[in-house]
Amino acid sequence: MRTRRDLSRSETCSYYAPSIHADGPEAIVSGTHALSGEALGSSAQRRRRERILDATIALASAGGFDAVQMRAVAEHADVALGTLYRYFPSKIHLLVTTLAREFEREEALLAERTIPGDTPADRVISVLRRTTRGLQGDPHLTEALTRAFMFADKSVAQEIRVVGRLLNRMLTHAMRPDAREAGDEDVAIARVIGDVWLSALVAWVTGRSTAEETAAHMERAVRLILR
């Protein structure tokens, strides 16, 4: 399985993945970034963007990171290659934005139901289990999205921030379901948990831990942080 092969040194050098949050001077980017749905003026443009993201998921699910080539995405989405590049400057922008859309959908689902658990730790673990199981159910897609995060540089900082905010909101909502707004401490805790979760996911994608070990590692980490 592709997701179990060893990655090159350029792909990962340790257990730990880059932070899911892009803050500080390195987050100030002068380069191009992906066009968000809100930045698109017409419904036709938004539908085109959705087709592009759908095509990305289809290709990644079939063959992982290497299968997501810009020309193949353009053909699958029935858009011109130049149009694709206007929406997404690179493959990394495209995959990170795809992850953001998946998180948006997950956040919407969580908002519609009561998260099981008696304590903040129980509820956070429930959310992470649900999200992790969904990703592990499609290992090629998970490999593609995770590797995109590992490769992302400062030019993708805006997209990384979007993913980080979405994950923070899901986790802080799990911690305090009745709170109208997350406090600074809860946000800081969510950021740490998000970074640990991403690192655990990288270990699973690269074959250094099993699904069971990943789940156990995350549960231990959450209970230590939220005890």
C-alpha atoms as a PDB file:
ATOM      1  CA  MET A   1       0.000   0.000   0.000  1.00  0.00           C
ATOM      2  CA  ARG A   2       1.407   3.352  -0.958  1.00  0.00           C
ATOM      3  CA  THR A   3       0.602   4.904   2.390  1.00  0.00           C
ATOM      4  CA  ARG A   4       2.815   2.368   4.132  1.00  0.00           C
ATOM      5  CA  ARG A   5       5.935   2.898   2.099  1.00  0.00           C
ATOM      6  CA  ASP A   6       8.859   4.816   3.528  1.00  0.00           C
ATOM      7  CA  LEU A   7       8.918   8.473   2.614  1.00  0.00           C
ATOM      8  CA  SER A   8      12.057  10.245   1.519  1.00  0.00           C
ATOM      9  CA  ARG A   9      13.970  12.579   3.835  1.00  0.00           C
ATOM     10  CA  SER A  10      12.451  15.552   2.027  1.00  0.00           C
ATOM     11  CA  GLU A  11       8.973  14.301   2.945  1.00  0.00           C
ATOM     12  CA  THR A  12       9.457  13.676   6.652  1.00  0.00           C
ATOM     13  CA  CYS A  13      12.435  13.672   8.962  1.00  0.00           C
ATOM     14  CA  SER A  14      10.841  12.876  12.304  1.00  0.00           C
ATOM     15  CA  TYR A  15       7.689  11.758  14.040  1.00  0.00           C
ATOM     16  CA  TYR A  16       6.539  15.332  14.383  1.00  0.00           C
ATOM     17  CA  ALA A  17       4.770  17.184  11.593  1.00  0.00           C
ATOM     18  CA  PRO A  18       4.834  20.927  10.986  1.00  0.00           C
ATOM     19  CA  SER A  19       2.406  22.910  13.105  1.00  0.00           C
ATOM     20  CA  ILE A  20      -1.119  23.135  11.778  1.00  0.00           C
ATOM     21  CA  HIS A  21      -1.049  26.823  12.727  1.00  0.00           C
ATOM     22  CA  ALA A  22       0.851  29.518  10.825  1.00  0.00           C
ATOM     23  CA  ASP A  23       1.527  32.465  13.096  1.00  0.00           C
ATOM     24  CA  GLY A  24       4.286  34.983  13.511  1.00  0.00           C
ATOM     25  CA  PRO A  25       6.424  36.670  10.845  1.00  0.00           C
ATOM     26  CA  GLU A  26       6.628  33.518   8.724  1.00  0.00           C
ATOM     27  CA  ALA A  27       2.847  33.662   8.266  1.00  0.00           C
ATOM     28  CA  ILE A  28       2.996  36.992   6.423  1.00  0.00           C
ATOM     29  CA  VAL A  29       2.976  36.005   2.788  1.00  0.00           C
ATOM     30  CA  SER A  30       3.338  38.194  -0.260  1.00  0.00           C
ATOM     31  CA  GLY A  31       2.801  35.371  -2.753  1.00  0.00           C
ATOM     32  CA  THR A  32      -0.352  34.012  -4.287  1.00  0.00           C
ATOM     33  CA  HIS A  33      -2.934  31.918  -2.513  1.00  0.00           C
ATOM     34  CA  ALA A  34      -5.986  29.843  -3.355  1.00  0.00           C
ATOM     35  CA  LEU A  35      -9.247  31.628  -4.063  1.00  0.00           C
ATOM     36  CA  SER A  36     -11.765  31.007  -1.308  1.00  0.00           C
ATOM     37  CA  GLY A  37     -15.425  30.439  -2.017  1.00  0.00           C
ATOM     38  CA  GLU A  38     -16.215  33.850  -0.533  1.00  0.00           C
ATOM     39  CA  ALA A  39     -13.770  35.525  -2.929  1.00  0.00           C
ATOM     40  CA  LEU A  40     -15.610  34.234  -5.988  1.00  0.00           C
ATOM     41  CA  GLY A  41     -18.242  36.593  -7.317  1.00  0.00           C
ATOM     42  CA  SER A  42     -20.601  34.305  -9.212  1.00  0.00           C
ATOM     43  CA  SER A  43     -22.368  31.044  -8.484  1.00  0.00           C
ATOM     44  CA  ALA A  44     -20.805  29.605 -11.651  1.00  0.00           C
ATOM     45  CA  GLN A  45     -17.336  30.309 -10.259  1.00  0.00           C
ATOM     46  CA  ARG A  46     -18.223  28.711  -6.949  1.00  0.00           C
ATOM     47  CA  ARG A  47     -19.591  25.642  -8.708  1.00  0.00           C
ATOM     48  CA  ARG A  48     -16.396  25.429 -10.747  1.00  0.00           C
ATOM     49  CA  ARG A  49     -14.346  25.585  -7.551  1.00  0.00           C
ATOM     50  CA  GLU A  50     -16.443  22.769  -6.056  1.00  0.00           C
ATOM     51  CA  ARG A  51     -15.884  20.625  -9.168  1.00  0.00           C
ATOM     52  CA  ILE A  52     -12.159  21.170  -8.846  1.00  0.00           C
ATOM     53  CA  LEU A  53     -12.173  20.090  -5.197  1.00  0.00           C
ATOM     54  CA  ASP A  54     -14.370  17.083  -6.007  1.00  0.00           C
ATOM     55  CA  ALA A  55     -11.937  16.075  -8.751  1.00  0.00           C
ATOM     56  CA  THR A  56      -9.044  16.401  -6.323  1.00  0.00           C
ATOM     57  CA  ILE A  57     -10.721  14.059  -3.850  1.00  0.00           C
ATOM     58  CA  ALA A  58     -11.508  11.519  -6.570  1.00  0.00           C
ATOM     59  CA  LEU A  59      -7.920  11.445  -7.826  1.00  0.00           C
ATOM     60  CA  ALA A  60      -6.393  11.387  -4.342  1.00  0.00           C
ATOM     61  CA  SER A  61      -8.721   8.593  -3.214  1.00  0.00           C
ATOM     62  CA  ALA A  62      -7.712   6.536  -6.230  1.00  0.00           C
ATOM     63  CA  GLY A  63      -3.961   7.035  -6.091  1.00  0.00           C
ATOM     64  CA  GLY A  64      -2.799   9.234  -3.233  1.00  0.00           C
ATOM     65  CA  PHE A  65      -0.579  12.297  -3.412  1.00  0.00           C
ATOM     66  CA  ASP A  66       1.215  11.362  -6.628  1.00  0.00           C
ATOM     67  CA  ALA A  67      -2.067  10.906  -8.495  1.00  0.00           C
ATOM     68  CA  VAL A  68      -3.081  14.523  -7.916  1.00  0.00           C
ATOM     69  CA  GLN A  69      -1.508  16.207 -10.927  1.00  0.00           C
ATOM     70  CA  MET A  70      -2.760  19.619 -11.977  1.00  0.00           C
ATOM     71  CA  ARG A  71      -3.440  18.575 -15.570  1.00  0.00           C
ATOM     72  CA  ALA A  72      -5.361  15.501 -14.402  1.00  0.00           C
ATOM     73  CA  VAL A  73      -7.405  17.618 -11.983  1.00  0.00           C
ATOM     74  CA  ALA A  74      -8.241  20.089 -14.753  1.00  0.00           C
ATOM     75  CA  GLU A  75      -9.358  17.307 -17.079  1.00  0.00           C
ATOM     76  CA  HIS A  76     -11.389  15.571 -14.368  1.00  0.00           C
ATOM     77  CA  ALA A  77     -13.078  18.850 -13.372  1.00  0.00           C
ATOM     78  CA  ASP A  78     -13.613  19.889 -17.009  1.00  0.00           C
ATOM     79  CA  VAL A  79     -11.795  23.201 -16.652  1.00  0.00           C
ATOM     80  CA  ALA A  80      -8.886  24.680 -18.557  1.00  0.00           C
ATOM     81  CA  LEU A  81      -5.474  24.215 -16.957  1.00  0.00           C
ATOM     82  CA  GLY A  82      -4.982  27.980 -16.832  1.00  0.00           C
ATOM     83  CA  THR A  83      -8.298  28.351 -15.025  1.00  0.00           C
ATOM     84  CA  LEU A  84      -7.246  25.774 -12.450  1.00  0.00           C
ATOM     85  CA  TYR A  85      -4.045  27.696 -11.739  1.00  0.00           C
ATOM     86  CA  ARG A  86      -6.020  30.913 -11.277  1.00  0.00           C
ATOM     87  CA  TYR A  87      -8.046  29.193  -8.572  1.00  0.00           C
ATOM     88  CA  PHE A  88      -5.181  27.226  -7.015  1.00  0.00           C
ATOM     89  CA  PRO A  89      -1.548  28.263  -7.645  1.00  0.00           C
ATOM     90  CA  SER A  90      -0.158  24.814  -6.816  1.00  0.00           C
ATOM     91  CA  LYS A  91      -1.004  21.244  -5.965  1.00  0.00           C
ATOM     92  CA  ILE A  92      -0.258  21.958  -2.300  1.00  0.00           C
ATOM     93  CA  HIS A  93      -2.720  24.875  -2.232  1.00  0.00           C
ATOM     94  CA  LEU A  94      -5.280  22.589  -3.833  1.00  0.00           C
ATOM     95  CA  LEU A  95      -4.893  19.721  -1.373  1.00  0.00           C
ATOM     96  CA  VAL A  96      -4.797  21.910   1.738  1.00  0.00           C
ATOM     97  CA  THR A  97      -7.951  23.689   0.553  1.00  0.00           C
ATOM     98  CA  THR A  98      -9.549  20.289  -0.002  1.00  0.00           C
ATOM     99  CA  LEU A  99      -8.787  19.392   3.608  1.00  0.00           C
ATOM    100  CA  ALA A 100     -10.329  22.673   4.738  1.00  0.00           C
ATOM    101  CA  ARG A 101     -13.540  21.842   2.900  1.00  0.00           C
ATOM    102  CA  GLU A 102     -13.674  18.416   4.540  1.00  0.00           C
ATOM    103  CA  PHE A 103     -13.249  20.072   7.945  1.00  0.00           C
ATOM    104  CA  GLU A 104     -16.005  22.569   7.114  1.00  0.00           C
ATOM    105  CA  ARG A 105     -18.361  19.689   6.403  1.00  0.00           C
ATOM    106  CA  GLU A 106     -17.365  17.886   9.578  1.00  0.00           C
ATOM    107  CA  GLU A 107     -17.874  21.046  11.628  1.00  0.00           C
ATOM    108  CA  ALA A 108     -21.361  21.474  10.163  1.00  0.00           C
ATOM    109  CA  LEU A 109     -22.253  17.894  11.100  1.00  0.00           C
ATOM    110  CA  LEU A 110     -20.970  18.354  14.648  1.00  0.00           C
ATOM    111  CA  ALA A 111     -23.073  21.494  15.054  1.00  0.00           C
ATOM    112  CA  GLU A 112     -26.216  19.478  14.339  1.00  0.00           C
ATOM    113  CA  ARG A 113     -25.743  16.865  17.053  1.00  0.00           C
ATOM    114  CA  THR A 114     -24.802  16.441  20.678  1.00  0.00           C
ATOM    115  CA  ILE A 115     -21.205  15.324  21.051  1.00  0.00           C
ATOM    116  CA  PRO A 116     -21.093  12.271  23.354  1.00  0.00           C
ATOM    117  CA  GLY A 117     -19.068  12.450  26.542  1.00  0.00           C
ATOM    118  CA  ASP A 118     -19.374  13.665  30.124  1.00  0.00           C
ATOM    119  CA  THR A 119     -16.134  15.666  30.237  1.00  0.00           C
ATOM    120  CA  PRO A 120     -14.247  17.963  27.842  1.00  0.00           C
ATOM    121  CA  ALA A 121     -11.666  15.197  27.342  1.00  0.00           C
ATOM    122  CA  ASP A 122     -14.361  12.635  26.525  1.00  0.00           C
ATOM    123  CA  ARG A 123     -15.956  14.932  23.953  1.00  0.00           C
ATOM    124  CA  VAL A 124     -12.668  15.934  22.323  1.00  0.00           C
ATOM    125  CA  ILE A 125     -11.692  12.267  22.048  1.00  0.00           C
ATOM    126  CA  SER A 126     -15.066  11.539  20.452  1.00  0.00           C
ATOM    127  CA  VAL A 127     -14.521  14.247  17.826  1.00  0.00           C
ATOM    128  CA  LEU A 128     -10.973  13.115  17.077  1.00  0.00           C
ATOM    129  CA  ARG A 129     -12.004   9.462  16.855  1.00  0.00           C
ATOM    130  CA  ARG A 130     -14.751  10.346  14.401  1.00  0.00           C
ATOM    131  CA  THR A 131     -12.438  12.491  12.280  1.00  0.00           C
ATOM    132  CA  THR A 132      -9.583   9.981  12.396  1.00  0.00           C
ATOM    133  CA  ARG A 133     -11.815   7.041  11.481  1.00  0.00           C
ATOM    134  CA  GLY A 134     -13.115   8.981   8.504  1.00  0.00           C
ATOM    135  CA  LEU A 135      -9.586   9.679   7.301  1.00  0.00           C
ATOM    136  CA  GLN A 136      -8.347   6.147   7.938  1.00  0.00           C
ATOM    137  CA  GLY A 137     -11.271   4.843   5.901  1.00  0.00           C
ATOM    138  CA  ASP A 138      -9.699   6.449   2.823  1.00  0.00           C
ATOM    139  CA  PRO A 139      -5.939   5.914   3.253  1.00  0.00           C
ATOM    140  CA  HIS A 140      -4.912   7.222  -0.170  1.00  0.00           C
ATOM    141  CA  LEU A 141      -6.800  10.472   0.367  1.00  0.00           C
ATOM    142  CA  THR A 142      -5.348  10.796   3.861  1.00  0.00           C
ATOM    143  CA  GLU A 143      -1.840  10.252   2.517  1.00  0.00           C
ATOM    144  CA  ALA A 144      -2.367  13.015  -0.039  1.00  0.00           C
ATOM    145  CA  LEU A 145      -3.781  15.521   2.437  1.00  0.00           C
ATOM    146  CA  THR A 146      -1.179  14.753   5.102  1.00  0.00           C
ATOM    147  CA  ARG A 147       1.754  14.970   2.721  1.00  0.00           C
ATOM    148  CA  ALA A 148       0.432  18.288   1.438  1.00  0.00           C
ATOM    149  CA  PHE A 149       0.550  19.580   5.011  1.00  0.00           C
ATOM    150  CA  MET A 150       4.078  18.273   5.424  1.00  0.00           C
ATOM    151  CA  PHE A 151       5.209  20.009   2.231  1.00  0.00           C
ATOM    152  CA  ALA A 152       3.362  23.293   2.809  1.00  0.00           C
ATOM    153  CA  ASP A 153       5.646  26.326   3.016  1.00  0.00           C
ATOM    154  CA  LYS A 154       4.894  29.944   3.872  1.00  0.00           C
ATOM    155  CA  SER A 155       3.156  30.509   0.524  1.00  0.00           C
ATOM    156  CA  VAL A 156       0.349  28.268   1.799  1.00  0.00           C
ATOM    157  CA  ALA A 157       0.112  30.004   5.192  1.00  0.00           C
ATOM    158  CA  GLN A 158      -3.336  31.435   4.512  1.00  0.00           C
ATOM    159  CA  GLU A 159      -4.777  28.004   3.672  1.00  0.00           C
ATOM    160  CA  ILE A 160      -3.034  26.453   6.689  1.00  0.00           C
ATOM    161  CA  ARG A 161      -4.601  29.091   8.934  1.00  0.00           C
ATOM    162  CA  VAL A 162      -8.057  28.241   7.602  1.00  0.00           C
ATOM    163  CA  VAL A 163      -7.578  24.561   8.449  1.00  0.00           C
ATOM    164  CA  GLY A 164      -6.197  25.471  11.865  1.00  0.00           C
ATOM    165  CA  ARG A 165      -9.166  27.707  12.663  1.00  0.00           C
ATOM    166  CA  LEU A 166     -11.631  25.014  11.636  1.00  0.00           C
ATOM    167  CA  LEU A 167      -9.935  22.368  13.759  1.00  0.00           C
ATOM    168  CA  ASN A 168      -9.730  24.789  16.686  1.00  0.00           C
ATOM    169  CA  ARG A 169     -13.447  25.499  16.444  1.00  0.00           C
ATOM    170  CA  MET A 170     -14.338  21.811  16.372  1.00  0.00           C
ATOM    171  CA  LEU A 171     -12.188  21.092  19.412  1.00  0.00           C
ATOM    172  CA  THR A 172     -13.235  24.116  21.464  1.00  0.00           C
ATOM    173  CA  HIS A 173     -16.877  23.353  20.684  1.00  0.00           C
ATOM    174  CA  ALA A 174     -16.300  19.828  21.999  1.00  0.00           C
ATOM    175  CA  MET A 175     -14.645  21.213  25.119  1.00  0.00           C
ATOM    176  CA  ARG A 176     -17.358  23.802  25.861  1.00  0.00           C
ATOM    177  CA  PRO A 177     -20.492  22.974  23.836  1.00  0.00           C
ATOM    178  CA  ASP A 178     -22.565  25.687  25.522  1.00  0.00           C
ATOM    179  CA  ALA A 179     -20.022  28.500  25.277  1.00  0.00           C
ATOM    180  CA  ARG A 180     -20.834  31.283  22.846  1.00  0.00           C
ATOM    181  CA  GLU A 181     -17.151  32.035  22.315  1.00  0.00           C
ATOM    182  CA  ALA A 182     -14.000  30.083  23.114  1.00  0.00           C
ATOM    183  CA  GLY A 183     -11.671  31.554  25.704  1.00  0.00           C
ATOM    184  CA  ASP A 184      -7.984  32.112  25.059  1.00  0.00           C
ATOM    185  CA  GLU A 185      -6.943  29.156  27.216  1.00  0.00           C
ATOM    186  CA  ASP A 186      -9.308  26.777  25.432  1.00  0.00           C
ATOM    187  CA  VAL A 187      -8.020  27.972  22.060  1.00  0.00           C
ATOM    188  CA  ALA A 188      -4.426  27.406  23.193  1.00  0.00           C
ATOM    189  CA  ILE A 189      -5.305  23.910  24.395  1.00  0.00           C
ATOM    190  CA  ALA A 190      -7.064  23.149  21.112  1.00  0.00           C
ATOM    191  CA  ARG A 191      -3.995  24.234  19.168  1.00  0.00           C
ATOM    192  CA  VAL A 192      -1.756  21.863  21.124  1.00  0.00           C
ATOM    193  CA  ILE A 193      -4.198  18.979  20.693  1.00  0.00           C
ATOM    194  CA  GLY A 194      -4.479  19.723  16.968  1.00  0.00           C
ATOM    195  CA  ASP A 195      -0.713  19.610  16.533  1.00  0.00           C
ATOM    196  CA  VAL A 196      -0.458  16.327  18.458  1.00  0.00           C
ATOM    197  CA  TRP A 197      -3.290  14.864  16.383  1.00  0.00           C
ATOM    198  CA  LEU A 198      -1.585  15.805  13.124  1.00  0.00           C
ATOM    199  CA  SER A 199       1.685  14.263  14.302  1.00  0.00           C
ATOM    200  CA  ALA A 200      -0.117  11.046  15.228  1.00  0.00           C
ATOM    201  CA  LEU A 201      -1.769  11.004  11.819  1.00  0.00           C
ATOM    202  CA  VAL A 202       1.606  11.398  10.112  1.00  0.00           C
ATOM    203  CA  ALA A 203       2.915   8.408  12.064  1.00  0.00           C
ATOM    204  CA  TRP A 204      -0.025   6.327  10.845  1.00  0.00           C
ATOM    205  CA  VAL A 205       0.298   7.467   7.223  1.00  0.00           C
ATOM    206  CA  THR A 206       4.012   6.632   7.177  1.00  0.00           C
ATOM    207  CA  GLY A 207       3.462   3.196   8.707  1.00  0.00           C
ATOM    208  CA  ARG A 208       5.106   3.920  12.050  1.00  0.00           C
ATOM    209  CA  SER A 209       1.949   3.232  14.029  1.00  0.00           C
ATOM    210  CA  THR A 210      -1.199   1.194  13.575  1.00  0.00           C
ATOM    211  CA  ALA A 211      -4.712   2.608  13.648  1.00  0.00           C
ATOM    212  CA  GLU A 212      -5.116   1.220  17.168  1.00  0.00           C
ATOM    213  CA  GLU A 213      -1.841   2.755  18.341  1.00  0.00           C
ATOM    214  CA  THR A 214      -2.810   6.094  16.817  1.00  0.00           C
ATOM    215  CA  ALA A 215      -6.140   6.099  18.651  1.00  0.00           C
ATOM    216  CA  ALA A 216      -4.506   5.118  21.949  1.00  0.00           C
ATOM    217  CA  HIS A 217      -1.801   7.780  21.567  1.00  0.00           C
ATOM    218  CA  MET A 218      -4.380  10.495  20.924  1.00  0.00           C
ATOM    219  CA  GLU A 219      -6.546   9.459  23.864  1.00  0.00           C
ATOM    220  CA  ARG A 220      -3.577   9.497  26.245  1.00  0.00           C
ATOM    221  CA  ALA A 221      -2.488  12.909  24.985  1.00  0.00           C
ATOM    222  CA  VAL A 222      -5.951  14.449  25.292  1.00  0.00           C
ATOM    223  CA  ARG A 223      -6.494  13.090  28.800  1.00  0.00           C
ATOM    224  CA  LEU A 224      -3.101  14.388  29.930  1.00  0.00           C
ATOM    225  CA  ILE A 225      -3.784  17.839  28.478  1.00  0.00           C
ATOM    226  CA  LEU A 226      -7.374  18.145  29.713  1.00  0.00           C
ATOM    227  CA  ARG A 227      -7.149  16.444  33.103  1.00  0.00           C
END
